[in-house]
Amino acid sequence: MRVKLLEIDAEHQVLVITQHHIISDGWSMHVMVDELVALYQGQAQRPALPLQYADYAQWQRDWMAAGEQQRQLDYWCATRGQRASVAGTAAGPPAPGGAKPSRCASADSPWTLRW
């Protein structure tokens, strides 16, 4: 997101906001514009949020460490097979000896999923 305040003259300014469509949709744009207008008019009441993104990230790390990472890996290895690749993407250069790396762990495979 890029924000620029253009000063037209001493009494007039224009706020220009440029953002990629991936970070906003119709609903969120409406919320953002309403909040900007309220802030501009001095009417904004913004209580502290009970959770921040860092809280969610910590919860997710704890969840993965408690066994979810292995459960997810087992599920996708069973679903996609030993070679879990994304369809239509380049596999990269061939591995030495022609071996194809797998993100699915097996007893004889040195390839593992790392977080």
C-alpha atoms as a PDB file:
ATOM      1  CA  MET A   1       0.000   0.000   0.000  1.00  0.00           C
ATOM      2  CA  ARG A   2       1.255   3.473  -0.881  1.00  0.00           C
ATOM      3  CA  VAL A   3      -0.175   6.652   0.591  1.00  0.00           C
ATOM      4  CA  LYS A   4       0.682  10.140  -0.611  1.00  0.00           C
ATOM      5  CA  LEU A   5      -0.667  13.510   0.468  1.00  0.00           C
ATOM      6  CA  LEU A   6      -0.587  15.963  -2.424  1.00  0.00           C
ATOM      7  CA  GLU A   7      -0.685  19.606  -1.478  1.00  0.00           C
ATOM      8  CA  ILE A   8      -2.636  21.478  -4.137  1.00  0.00           C
ATOM      9  CA  ASP A   9      -2.328  24.808  -2.312  1.00  0.00           C
ATOM     10  CA  ALA A  10      -2.276  26.034   1.286  1.00  0.00           C
ATOM     11  CA  GLU A  11      -5.972  25.191   1.745  1.00  0.00           C
ATOM     12  CA  HIS A  12      -6.364  22.076  -0.392  1.00  0.00           C
ATOM     13  CA  GLN A  13      -4.784  18.660  -0.195  1.00  0.00           C
ATOM     14  CA  VAL A  14      -5.567  15.337  -1.839  1.00  0.00           C
ATOM     15  CA  LEU A  15      -4.913  11.999  -0.164  1.00  0.00           C
ATOM     16  CA  VAL A  16      -3.966   9.351  -2.727  1.00  0.00           C
ATOM     17  CA  ILE A  17      -4.042   5.694  -1.669  1.00  0.00           C
ATOM     18  CA  THR A  18      -2.753   3.008  -4.011  1.00  0.00           C
ATOM     19  CA  GLN A  19      -3.089  -0.642  -3.106  1.00  0.00           C
ATOM     20  CA  HIS A  20      -3.065  -3.961  -4.861  1.00  0.00           C
ATOM     21  CA  HIS A  21      -6.419  -5.698  -5.164  1.00  0.00           C
ATOM     22  CA  ILE A  22      -5.062  -8.681  -3.217  1.00  0.00           C
ATOM     23  CA  ILE A  23      -5.146  -6.708   0.051  1.00  0.00           C
ATOM     24  CA  SER A  24      -8.676  -5.356  -0.275  1.00  0.00           C
ATOM     25  CA  ASP A  25     -12.145  -6.174  -1.490  1.00  0.00           C
ATOM     26  CA  GLY A  26     -15.424  -4.261  -1.640  1.00  0.00           C
ATOM     27  CA  TRP A  27     -16.281  -4.865   1.999  1.00  0.00           C
ATOM     28  CA  SER A  28     -12.856  -4.010   3.408  1.00  0.00           C
ATOM     29  CA  MET A  29     -12.561  -0.890   1.220  1.00  0.00           C
ATOM     30  CA  HIS A  30     -15.863   0.352   2.630  1.00  0.00           C
ATOM     31  CA  VAL A  31     -14.595  -0.212   6.193  1.00  0.00           C
ATOM     32  CA  MET A  32     -11.286   1.528   5.455  1.00  0.00           C
ATOM     33  CA  VAL A  33     -12.940   4.575   3.863  1.00  0.00           C
ATOM     34  CA  ASP A  34     -15.433   4.844   6.746  1.00  0.00           C
ATOM     35  CA  GLU A  35     -12.573   4.713   9.274  1.00  0.00           C
ATOM     36  CA  LEU A  36     -10.523   7.303   7.372  1.00  0.00           C
ATOM     37  CA  VAL A  37     -13.506   9.663   7.247  1.00  0.00           C
ATOM     38  CA  ALA A  38     -14.182   9.170  10.970  1.00  0.00           C
ATOM     39  CA  LEU A  39     -10.506   9.825  11.791  1.00  0.00           C
ATOM     40  CA  TYR A  40     -10.497  12.933   9.608  1.00  0.00           C
ATOM     41  CA  GLN A  41     -13.623  14.255  11.312  1.00  0.00           C
ATOM     42  CA  GLY A  42     -12.231  13.469  14.767  1.00  0.00           C
ATOM     43  CA  GLN A  43     -15.028  11.006  15.504  1.00  0.00           C
ATOM     44  CA  ALA A  44     -13.060   7.791  15.522  1.00  0.00           C
ATOM     45  CA  GLN A  45     -13.334   5.544  18.548  1.00  0.00           C
ATOM     46  CA  ARG A  46     -10.796   2.804  18.079  1.00  0.00           C
ATOM     47  CA  PRO A  47     -10.591   0.444  21.018  1.00  0.00           C
ATOM     48  CA  ALA A  48      -7.534  -1.772  21.262  1.00  0.00           C
ATOM     49  CA  LEU A  49      -8.028  -5.090  19.523  1.00  0.00           C
ATOM     50  CA  PRO A  50      -8.011  -8.073  21.892  1.00  0.00           C
ATOM     51  CA  LEU A  51      -5.829 -10.073  19.467  1.00  0.00           C
ATOM     52  CA  GLN A  52      -3.045  -8.987  17.181  1.00  0.00           C
ATOM     53  CA  TYR A  53      -1.575 -10.877  14.227  1.00  0.00           C
ATOM     54  CA  ALA A  54       1.438 -11.825  16.367  1.00  0.00           C
ATOM     55  CA  ASP A  55      -0.969 -13.605  18.749  1.00  0.00           C
ATOM     56  CA  TYR A  56      -2.386 -15.640  15.866  1.00  0.00           C
ATOM     57  CA  ALA A  57       1.101 -16.455  14.553  1.00  0.00           C
ATOM     58  CA  GLN A  58       2.178 -17.703  18.000  1.00  0.00           C
ATOM     59  CA  TRP A  59      -0.986 -19.804  18.312  1.00  0.00           C
ATOM     60  CA  GLN A  60      -0.312 -21.346  14.898  1.00  0.00           C
ATOM     61  CA  ARG A  61       3.318 -22.151  15.790  1.00  0.00           C
ATOM     62  CA  ASP A  62       2.180 -23.766  19.050  1.00  0.00           C
ATOM     63  CA  TRP A  63      -0.533 -25.726  17.197  1.00  0.00           C
ATOM     64  CA  MET A  64       1.972 -27.029  14.665  1.00  0.00           C
ATOM     65  CA  ALA A  65       4.468 -27.951  17.404  1.00  0.00           C
ATOM     66  CA  ALA A  66       1.756 -29.868  19.283  1.00  0.00           C
ATOM     67  CA  GLY A  67       1.395 -32.395  16.453  1.00  0.00           C
ATOM     68  CA  GLU A  68      -0.595 -30.640  13.753  1.00  0.00           C
ATOM     69  CA  GLN A  69       2.470 -30.329  11.529  1.00  0.00           C
ATOM     70  CA  GLN A  70       2.886 -34.110  11.407  1.00  0.00           C
ATOM     71  CA  ARG A  71      -0.866 -34.652  10.957  1.00  0.00           C
ATOM     72  CA  GLN A  72      -0.884 -32.240   7.993  1.00  0.00           C
ATOM     73  CA  LEU A  73       2.205 -33.838   6.489  1.00  0.00           C
ATOM     74  CA  ASP A  74       0.708 -37.333   6.860  1.00  0.00           C
ATOM     75  CA  TYR A  75      -2.559 -36.202   5.263  1.00  0.00           C
ATOM     76  CA  TRP A  76      -0.930 -34.555   2.256  1.00  0.00           C
ATOM     77  CA  CYS A  77       1.535 -37.385   1.740  1.00  0.00           C
ATOM     78  CA  ALA A  78      -1.350 -39.848   1.724  1.00  0.00           C
ATOM     79  CA  THR A  79      -3.435 -37.621  -0.542  1.00  0.00           C
ATOM     80  CA  ARG A  80      -0.741 -36.517  -2.994  1.00  0.00           C
ATOM     81  CA  GLY A  81       1.596 -39.477  -2.768  1.00  0.00           C
ATOM     82  CA  GLN A  82       5.319 -39.471  -2.143  1.00  0.00           C
ATOM     83  CA  ARG A  83       5.959 -36.664  -4.616  1.00  0.00           C
ATOM     84  CA  ALA A  84       3.980 -33.676  -3.328  1.00  0.00           C
ATOM     85  CA  SER A  85       4.414 -31.104  -6.073  1.00  0.00           C
ATOM     86  CA  VAL A  86       2.314 -28.263  -7.376  1.00  0.00           C
ATOM     87  CA  ALA A  87       0.765 -28.995 -10.765  1.00  0.00           C
ATOM     88  CA  GLY A  88       2.107 -26.875 -13.562  1.00  0.00           C
ATOM     89  CA  THR A  89       5.213 -25.640 -11.781  1.00  0.00           C
ATOM     90  CA  ALA A  90       8.766 -26.353 -12.719  1.00  0.00           C
ATOM     91  CA  ALA A  91      10.386 -29.047 -10.625  1.00  0.00           C
ATOM     92  CA  GLY A  92      13.806 -27.414 -10.765  1.00  0.00           C
ATOM     93  CA  PRO A  93      17.053 -29.039 -11.769  1.00  0.00           C
ATOM     94  CA  PRO A  94      17.292 -32.810 -11.497  1.00  0.00           C
ATOM     95  CA  ALA A  95      18.717 -34.166  -8.270  1.00  0.00           C
ATOM     96  CA  PRO A  96      22.040 -35.994  -8.302  1.00  0.00           C
ATOM     97  CA  GLY A  97      21.605 -39.573  -9.439  1.00  0.00           C
ATOM     98  CA  GLY A  98      18.148 -38.817 -10.858  1.00  0.00           C
ATOM     99  CA  ALA A  99      16.443 -39.017  -7.449  1.00  0.00           C
ATOM    100  CA  LYS A 100      13.290 -36.968  -7.142  1.00  0.00           C
ATOM    101  CA  PRO A 101      12.990 -35.155  -3.821  1.00  0.00           C
ATOM    102  CA  SER A 102       9.823 -35.641  -1.829  1.00  0.00           C
ATOM    103  CA  ARG A 103       8.428 -33.577   0.997  1.00  0.00           C
ATOM    104  CA  CYS A 104       6.964 -36.765   2.386  1.00  0.00           C
ATOM    105  CA  ALA A 105       9.257 -38.504   4.818  1.00  0.00           C
ATOM    106  CA  SER A 106       9.947 -42.180   4.427  1.00  0.00           C
ATOM    107  CA  ALA A 107      12.383 -44.531   6.093  1.00  0.00           C
ATOM    108  CA  ASP A 108      14.813 -44.349   3.162  1.00  0.00           C
ATOM    109  CA  SER A 109      14.308 -40.705   2.216  1.00  0.00           C
ATOM    110  CA  PRO A 110      16.514 -37.858   3.432  1.00  0.00           C
ATOM    111  CA  TRP A 111      13.896 -35.324   2.292  1.00  0.00           C
ATOM    112  CA  THR A 112      11.683 -33.911   5.006  1.00  0.00           C
ATOM    113  CA  LEU A 113       9.355 -30.959   5.382  1.00  0.00           C
ATOM    114  CA  ARG A 114      10.957 -28.165   7.356  1.00  0.00           C
ATOM    115  CA  TRP A 115       9.040 -25.259   8.870  1.00  0.00           C
END
